[in-house]
Amino acid sequence: MPFFNVGDVRVADDSDMKYFLTICDNHEGWSLELNRADLQIWCKPTPESNFKIVKLKANLKDISANVMYDVLHDPDYRKVWDRGMVKCKDICMINPNNDIGYYALKSPPPFKNRDFVTQRSWLQTPTECVIFNHSVFHKEMPPQKSFIRAISHLTGYLVRPSAENGCILTYVAQCDPRGKLPAWAVNKATQYVAPKIITRLWKAAQKYPAWKKKHNLDWKPWLYPEQLRLPRINFEHIMSTPDFQDNNLDESEVTETIGSFDAVSNEDLNGDSPMPARKNSNHGD
C-alpha cells in the first residue's frame, strides 16, 4: 500500500488515509507492552529506522472526539498546554487539508533539543478524525545550530467517538531523533514519553472549551477552510533530499541518573491522570 516517504510533498489521498488507519487498527506483528482497560501500548520494529514504531490507544471517557480534534489542531492553544514545545511555525499551505510547518521541542537535559519540519495531513468524517505528519525539507527552515534536526517517518492521531460523549484516541509515532542515544533513553521513550503526551492532551482537552470561549471562539481554520491565511506552497522551496548532514553527536554516554525522564514524567503521570505512572514497568526493547 503506498504511503509517504520522508521528503515527499503532495496532497494526501484516500490510500494514505487507509494506510494510516491500518497502522492504527491492525496489531498483527506488534508487541503489546502495556495492556490496561484504559490504555494499551504496542511497539514494532520497522526497516525505515533503528527506532521502533510506537502505538498507544487510550480510552478518554470524558472528552468528546470533536473537542480532542480541535485541541490537536489549535496552534494558539498548543502554546498554552504544550510545555515541551520551544517554538512552532506554520510555513505554507498545500491545500485546505495539508500544510507544512516547523516544530521544536525540549529534550530532557543534558540531551540536545530536537526540531522537525513536517507535512501535516488531516481529515474529519462523521466516524473518525485523522491527523498525521512526516518529515520534509524546506528551504525557508534550514537546520539550526541550537537543535538537532530529527526525522518523523510517521506521527499521527486517530480520534473516534465512544459512548457517552467520550473518545478513543490512538497515537502512532515513528521518529528518528538522530545522533547516538543511550539504550536506556530509547527504552524510557516507550515507557514514559508516549503516555505523557496522551496525558497532557487529556488534561488540555478538559480545559479547552472554557479557554476557547475567551480566545477567538469562531476561529477554526481546520474546520472552516475560508479562514485559512497561510501562503500557498512554493515548490521551488521544496527539496527532495535532506538539508542536513549526518552528524556524529554522541549522547550515548549520558547516564540514566543524569537524565530527567522520570522527574518530568511523574509530574504529568501521577495524581489525577487517567494513566498513572507504573513503578515496576518492564517496558523496553
Protein backbone atom coordinates (compact mmCIF):
# COMPACT_ATOMS: atom_id res chain seq x y z
CA MET A 1 0.00 0.00 0.00
CA PRO A 2 1.58 3.35 -1.00
CA PHE A 3 2.40 5.96 1.59
CA PHE A 4 4.62 8.99 2.03
CA ASN A 5 8.36 8.64 2.13
CA VAL A 6 10.39 11.18 4.07
CA GLY A 7 10.73 14.22 1.80
CA ASP A 8 7.58 13.60 -0.26
CA VAL A 9 5.35 16.66 -0.66
CA ARG A 10 1.93 16.04 -2.17
CA VAL A 11 -1.72 16.04 -1.20
CA ALA A 12 -2.64 13.03 0.94
CA ASP A 13 -5.17 10.82 -0.81
CA ASP A 14 -7.56 8.04 0.23
CA SER A 15 -4.83 5.38 0.09
CA ASP A 16 -2.70 7.37 2.55
CA MET A 17 -5.62 7.66 4.95
CA LYS A 18 -6.36 3.93 4.64
CA TYR A 19 -2.72 3.11 5.28
CA PHE A 20 -2.70 5.15 8.48
CA LEU A 21 -5.95 3.56 9.66
CA THR A 22 -4.43 0.12 9.04
CA ILE A 23 -1.43 1.05 11.19
CA CYS A 24 -3.81 2.13 13.96
CA ASP A 25 -6.18 -0.83 13.84
CA ASN A 26 -4.08 -3.84 12.80
CA HIS A 27 -1.99 -5.22 15.69
CA GLU A 28 -0.53 -8.24 13.87
CA GLY A 29 3.24 -8.32 14.31
CA TRP A 30 3.16 -5.77 17.14
CA SER A 31 4.47 -6.42 20.64
CA LEU A 32 1.98 -5.48 23.36
CA GLU A 33 3.98 -3.60 26.00
CA LEU A 34 1.13 -2.48 28.27
CA ASN A 35 -2.46 -3.71 28.49
CA ARG A 36 -4.93 -1.90 30.73
CA ALA A 37 -8.62 -1.20 30.50
CA ASP A 38 -7.97 2.44 29.56
CA LEU A 39 -4.58 2.22 27.86
CA GLN A 40 -2.66 -0.10 25.56
CA ILE A 41 0.83 0.39 24.15
CA TRP A 42 2.38 -1.60 21.28
CA CYS A 43 5.81 -1.49 19.66
CA LYS A 44 7.07 -2.83 16.35
CA PRO A 45 10.43 -2.74 14.54
CA THR A 46 10.46 -1.33 11.02
CA PRO A 47 13.06 -1.25 8.25
CA GLU A 48 12.88 2.56 7.93
CA SER A 49 14.56 3.28 11.25
CA ASN A 50 16.53 1.76 14.11
CA PHE A 51 13.81 3.07 16.40
CA LYS A 52 10.62 1.10 16.84
CA ILE A 53 7.26 2.48 15.87
CA VAL A 54 5.14 3.05 18.98
CA LYS A 55 1.34 2.86 19.06
CA LEU A 56 -0.77 3.96 22.00
CA LYS A 57 -4.55 3.63 22.36
CA ALA A 58 -6.36 5.46 25.16
CA ASN A 59 -9.99 5.48 26.22
CA LEU A 60 -10.84 9.04 27.27
CA LYS A 61 -14.37 8.81 28.63
CA ASP A 62 -14.86 12.49 29.42
CA ILE A 63 -13.52 14.09 26.21
CA SER A 64 -15.57 14.24 23.01
CA ALA A 65 -13.95 13.43 19.67
CA ASN A 66 -14.70 16.94 18.39
CA VAL A 67 -13.01 18.62 21.35
CA MET A 68 -9.94 16.40 21.06
CA TYR A 69 -9.69 17.09 17.32
CA ASP A 70 -9.82 20.84 17.98
CA VAL A 71 -7.14 20.59 20.68
CA LEU A 72 -4.82 18.70 18.34
CA HIS A 73 -5.23 21.41 15.70
CA ASP A 74 -5.42 24.71 17.58
CA PRO A 75 -1.96 26.36 17.38
CA ASP A 76 -2.83 29.12 19.85
CA TYR A 77 -3.91 26.63 22.49
CA ARG A 78 -0.85 24.48 21.92
CA LYS A 79 1.23 27.38 23.22
CA VAL A 80 -0.78 27.11 26.46
CA TRP A 81 -0.61 23.39 27.17
CA ASP A 82 2.44 22.03 25.32
CA ARG A 83 5.27 22.64 27.78
CA GLY A 84 7.60 20.55 25.65
CA MET A 85 7.38 22.98 22.75
CA VAL A 86 10.16 25.51 22.25
CA LYS A 87 8.61 27.14 19.19
CA CYS A 88 6.47 26.35 16.19
CA LYS A 89 5.58 27.98 12.90
CA ASP A 90 3.12 27.29 10.10
CA ILE A 91 5.11 27.70 6.89
CA CYS A 92 2.72 27.20 3.98
CA MET A 93 -0.46 25.52 2.78
CA ILE A 94 -0.54 22.78 0.14
CA ASN A 95 -4.34 22.63 0.15
CA PRO A 96 -7.02 23.06 2.85
CA ASN A 97 -6.14 19.65 4.37
CA ASN A 98 -2.36 19.64 4.01
CA ASP A 99 0.25 22.10 5.23
CA ILE A 100 3.95 22.34 6.12
CA GLY A 101 5.15 23.51 9.49
CA TYR A 102 8.06 23.70 11.92
CA TYR A 103 8.13 22.37 15.48
CA ALA A 104 10.95 22.48 18.03
CA LEU A 105 10.81 20.62 21.33
CA LYS A 106 12.74 20.37 24.55
CA SER A 107 14.74 17.25 25.23
CA PRO A 108 15.36 16.16 28.83
CA PRO A 109 18.72 17.64 29.90
CA PRO A 110 21.50 17.08 29.14
CA PHE A 111 20.28 15.90 25.72
CA LYS A 112 20.24 18.47 22.93
CA ASN A 113 16.88 19.83 21.79
CA ARG A 114 15.34 18.50 18.57
CA ASP A 115 13.27 20.10 15.84
CA PHE A 116 11.18 18.93 12.88
CA VAL A 117 9.90 20.25 9.55
CA THR A 118 6.86 18.21 8.55
CA GLN A 119 3.98 17.99 6.16
CA ARG A 120 0.77 17.53 8.12
CA SER A 121 -2.35 15.96 6.60
CA TRP A 122 -5.80 15.69 8.15
CA LEU A 123 -9.36 14.58 7.53
CA GLN A 124 -12.56 14.62 9.58
CA THR A 125 -15.51 12.33 8.86
CA PRO A 126 -18.64 11.54 10.93
CA THR A 127 -16.91 8.44 12.33
CA GLU A 128 -13.27 9.47 12.80
CA CYS A 129 -10.73 12.28 12.76
CA VAL A 130 -7.25 11.70 11.35
CA ILE A 131 -4.10 13.82 11.62
CA PHE A 132 -0.64 12.59 10.63
CA ASN A 133 2.70 14.01 9.52
CA HIS A 134 6.06 13.08 8.01
CA SER A 135 9.31 15.00 7.61
CA VAL A 136 10.02 17.15 4.55
CA PHE A 137 12.81 19.54 3.58
CA HIS A 138 12.01 23.24 3.10
CA LYS A 139 14.48 25.98 2.18
CA GLU A 140 12.85 28.53 4.50
CA MET A 141 13.51 26.37 7.59
CA PRO A 142 17.11 25.10 7.35
CA PRO A 143 18.72 23.26 10.28
CA GLN A 144 19.84 25.43 13.18
CA LYS A 145 22.93 25.06 15.34
CA SER A 146 20.90 25.04 18.55
CA PHE A 147 18.85 21.97 17.51
CA ILE A 148 19.33 18.53 16.06
CA ARG A 149 17.03 18.16 13.05
CA ALA A 150 15.05 15.00 13.80
CA ILE A 151 13.02 12.91 11.35
CA SER A 152 9.38 11.90 11.58
CA HIS A 153 8.74 8.84 9.43
CA LEU A 154 5.14 8.83 10.64
CA THR A 155 3.50 10.58 13.56
CA GLY A 156 -0.24 10.81 13.87
CA TYR A 157 -3.52 10.68 15.75
CA LEU A 158 -6.78 8.88 15.16
CA VAL A 159 -9.78 10.08 17.17
CA ARG A 160 -13.05 8.15 17.22
CA PRO A 161 -16.17 8.93 19.27
CA SER A 162 -17.10 6.48 22.01
CA ALA A 163 -20.10 6.00 24.25
CA GLU A 164 -21.40 8.85 26.43
CA ASN A 165 -19.55 11.60 24.57
CA GLY A 166 -16.07 10.20 25.10
CA CYS A 167 -13.42 9.29 22.54
CA ILE A 168 -10.86 6.64 21.70
CA LEU A 169 -7.51 8.26 20.89
CA THR A 170 -4.81 6.35 19.02
CA TYR A 171 -1.35 7.87 18.79
CA VAL A 172 1.32 6.50 16.45
CA ALA A 173 4.94 7.66 16.36
CA GLN A 174 7.96 6.55 14.40
CA CYS A 175 10.66 9.17 14.81
CA ASP A 176 14.42 9.19 14.48
CA PRO A 177 15.93 11.76 16.89
CA ARG A 178 19.29 11.35 15.10
CA GLY A 179 22.56 11.33 16.91
CA LYS A 180 23.65 8.48 19.15
CA LEU A 181 21.43 7.94 22.19
CA PRO A 182 21.91 5.53 25.10
CA ALA A 183 19.72 2.42 25.17
CA TRP A 184 18.07 3.49 28.44
CA ALA A 185 16.78 6.70 26.82
CA VAL A 186 15.19 4.76 23.96
CA ASN A 187 13.52 2.44 26.47
CA LYS A 188 12.28 5.37 28.55
CA ALA A 189 10.71 6.91 25.46
CA THR A 190 8.48 3.84 25.14
CA GLN A 191 7.81 3.66 28.87
CA TYR A 192 7.10 7.30 29.61
CA VAL A 193 7.08 9.73 26.71
CA ALA A 194 4.16 8.35 24.70
CA PRO A 195 1.84 8.08 27.75
CA LYS A 196 2.98 11.53 28.84
CA ILE A 197 1.86 13.01 25.53
CA ILE A 198 -1.60 11.47 25.88
CA THR A 199 -1.92 12.58 29.50
CA ARG A 200 -1.05 16.16 28.61
CA LEU A 201 -3.60 16.06 25.80
CA TRP A 202 -6.25 14.70 28.16
CA LYS A 203 -5.65 17.49 30.67
CA ALA A 204 -5.54 20.11 27.93
CA ALA A 205 -8.79 18.87 26.39
CA GLN A 206 -10.60 19.17 29.71
CA LYS A 207 -9.81 22.89 29.83
CA TYR A 208 -10.15 23.67 26.13
CA PRO A 209 -13.89 24.53 25.86
CA ALA A 210 -13.65 27.16 28.59
CA TRP A 211 -10.40 28.56 27.16
CA LYS A 212 -11.76 28.70 23.61
CA LYS A 213 -14.81 30.73 24.68
CA LYS A 214 -12.41 33.53 25.62
CA HIS A 215 -10.00 33.18 22.71
CA ASN A 216 -11.32 33.58 19.18
CA LEU A 217 -14.23 31.21 19.64
CA ASP A 218 -15.22 31.00 15.97
CA TRP A 219 -11.69 30.72 14.56
CA LYS A 220 -11.14 27.10 13.48
CA PRO A 221 -9.48 27.01 10.04
CA TRP A 222 -9.08 23.24 10.30
CA LEU A 223 -12.88 23.09 10.09
CA TYR A 224 -13.54 26.24 8.04
CA PRO A 225 -11.03 26.49 5.15
CA GLU A 226 -12.19 30.01 4.28
CA GLN A 227 -10.39 31.16 7.45
CA LEU A 228 -7.00 29.93 6.23
CA ARG A 229 -4.39 32.69 5.92
CA LEU A 230 -1.26 30.68 5.18
CA PRO A 231 0.62 31.38 1.94
CA ARG A 232 0.35 28.80 -0.81
CA ILE A 233 3.25 26.41 -1.21
CA ASN A 234 6.10 27.42 -3.49
CA PHE A 235 7.51 24.16 -4.81
CA GLU A 236 10.80 25.89 -5.59
CA HIS A 237 11.33 25.91 -1.80
CA ILE A 238 10.91 22.14 -1.52
CA MET A 239 13.98 19.92 -1.56
CA SER A 240 13.86 16.21 -2.32
CA THR A 241 16.98 15.40 -0.30
CA PRO A 242 17.89 16.26 3.31
CA ASP A 243 19.26 19.72 4.03
CA PHE A 244 21.46 18.39 6.84
CA GLN A 245 24.45 16.10 7.04
CA ASP A 246 24.61 13.01 9.18
CA ASN A 247 26.04 14.19 12.46
CA ASN A 248 28.28 12.43 14.91
CA LEU A 249 26.63 13.84 18.01
CA ASP A 250 27.20 11.16 20.59
CA GLU A 251 24.99 11.26 23.68
CA SER A 252 25.31 7.54 24.33
CA GLU A 253 27.39 8.05 27.48
CA VAL A 254 24.69 10.03 29.27
CA THR A 255 23.76 8.06 32.39
CA GLU A 256 20.20 7.42 33.49
CA THR A 257 20.73 9.23 36.78
CA ILE A 258 21.54 12.43 34.88
CA GLY A 259 18.58 12.29 32.51
CA SER A 260 15.31 13.76 33.73
CA PHE A 261 12.75 11.46 32.09
CA ASP A 262 11.45 10.25 35.44
CA ALA A 263 11.06 13.67 37.02
CA VAL A 264 9.32 15.16 34.00
CA SER A 265 7.07 12.15 33.54
CA ASN A 266 5.99 11.85 37.14
CA GLU A 267 4.84 15.45 37.04
CA ASP A 268 2.34 14.52 34.33
CA LEU A 269 1.51 10.90 35.08
CA ASN A 270 0.81 10.98 38.81
CA GLY A 271 -2.17 12.49 40.58
CA ASP A 272 -5.38 12.96 38.62
CA SER A 273 -4.15 11.39 35.40
CA PRO A 274 -6.29 8.65 33.82
CA MET A 275 -2.99 6.85 33.08
CA PRO A 276 -0.91 6.84 36.30
CA ALA A 277 2.76 6.04 36.28
CA ARG A 278 3.78 2.41 36.84
CA LYS A 279 6.62 1.97 39.33
CA ASN A 280 7.60 -1.52 38.20
CA SER A 281 7.11 -1.36 34.47
CA ASN A 282 9.20 -3.70 32.35
CA HIS A 283 8.73 -1.98 29.01
CA GLY A 284 11.58 -1.62 26.60
CA ASP A 285 13.36 -3.31 23.76
